[in-house]
């Protein structure tokens, strides 16, 4: 398995850009089998990293709740 430890240090945008590049290479069918397997494994690591970053961002998005007099009382999930 390829060493993909550096994936965890990438921003969402950088990881997504690399993932899109990998998809293009795999779809072209021009990479040899061994390279295709290695880049597929990196793609899986990038996908997992992007999903983790999205879940983290989603958890941070909250809406502010207000009391009857309009003062902030806390937060709740945005989709509640």
Protein backbone atom coordinates (compact mmCIF):
# COMPACT_ATOMS: atom_id res chain seq x y z
CA UNK A 1 0.00 0.00 0.00
CA UNK A 2 1.28 3.47 -0.86
CA UNK A 3 2.37 5.85 1.90
CA UNK A 4 -0.42 8.41 2.16
CA UNK A 5 0.36 9.96 5.55
CA UNK A 6 0.77 13.40 3.94
CA UNK A 7 -2.92 13.38 2.97
CA UNK A 8 -3.88 14.30 6.54
CA UNK A 9 -2.00 17.61 6.24
CA UNK A 10 -3.83 18.78 3.11
CA UNK A 11 -6.55 21.39 3.08
CA UNK A 12 -9.94 20.34 1.75
CA UNK A 13 -9.34 22.24 -1.48
CA UNK A 14 -5.90 20.70 -2.06
CA UNK A 15 -7.16 17.19 -1.31
CA UNK A 16 -10.14 17.63 -3.62
CA UNK A 17 -7.91 18.92 -6.43
CA UNK A 18 -5.65 15.88 -6.10
CA UNK A 19 -8.66 13.59 -6.01
CA UNK A 20 -10.03 15.12 -9.22
CA UNK A 21 -6.63 14.64 -10.88
CA UNK A 22 -6.57 10.99 -9.83
CA UNK A 23 -10.06 10.40 -11.19
CA UNK A 24 -8.96 11.87 -14.52
CA UNK A 25 -5.91 9.60 -14.67
CA UNK A 26 -7.93 6.51 -13.83
CA UNK A 27 -10.67 7.38 -16.31
CA UNK A 28 -8.12 7.86 -19.10
CA UNK A 29 -6.96 4.26 -18.72
CA UNK A 30 -3.42 5.23 -19.67
CA UNK A 31 -1.70 4.39 -16.38
CA UNK A 32 -0.09 0.95 -15.99
CA UNK A 33 -1.82 -1.43 -13.59
CA UNK A 34 0.63 -0.97 -10.70
CA UNK A 35 0.39 2.82 -10.95
CA UNK A 36 -3.41 2.64 -11.21
CA UNK A 37 -3.56 0.64 -7.99
CA UNK A 38 -1.26 3.07 -6.17
CA UNK A 39 -3.18 6.15 -7.27
CA UNK A 40 -6.49 4.45 -6.50
CA UNK A 41 -5.27 3.85 -2.94
CA UNK A 42 -4.24 7.50 -2.67
CA UNK A 43 -7.65 8.48 -4.01
CA UNK A 44 -9.33 6.45 -1.28
CA UNK A 45 -7.19 8.19 1.36
CA UNK A 46 -8.02 11.60 -0.14
CA UNK A 47 -11.74 10.78 -0.23
CA UNK A 48 -11.72 9.74 3.44
CA UNK A 49 -9.82 12.90 4.39
CA UNK A 50 -12.28 15.12 2.50
CA UNK A 51 -15.23 13.40 4.18
CA UNK A 52 -13.65 13.92 7.61
CA UNK A 53 -13.03 17.60 6.91
CA UNK A 54 -16.62 18.04 5.69
CA UNK A 55 -18.06 16.36 8.79
CA UNK A 56 -15.91 18.58 11.00
CA UNK A 57 -17.02 21.71 9.16
CA UNK A 58 -20.65 20.63 9.30
CA UNK A 59 -20.44 20.14 13.07
CA UNK A 60 -19.06 23.66 13.47
CA UNK A 61 -21.89 25.30 11.55
CA UNK A 62 -24.49 26.30 14.09
CA UNK A 63 -27.14 28.92 14.32
CA UNK A 64 -27.42 31.31 17.21
CA UNK A 65 -30.58 30.98 19.31
CA UNK A 66 -32.20 34.09 20.76
CA UNK A 67 -34.40 34.59 23.79
CA UNK A 68 -37.78 36.34 23.53
CA UNK A 69 -36.12 39.67 24.17
CA UNK A 70 -33.66 39.10 21.33
CA UNK A 71 -30.58 38.28 23.38
CA UNK A 72 -28.34 35.37 22.34
CA UNK A 73 -28.93 32.30 24.51
CA UNK A 74 -26.71 29.76 22.81
CA UNK A 75 -26.43 27.81 19.61
CA UNK A 76 -28.05 24.80 18.01
CA UNK A 77 -27.27 22.76 14.92
CA UNK A 78 -28.12 24.62 11.73
CA UNK A 79 -30.51 21.93 10.50
CA UNK A 80 -32.48 21.67 13.76
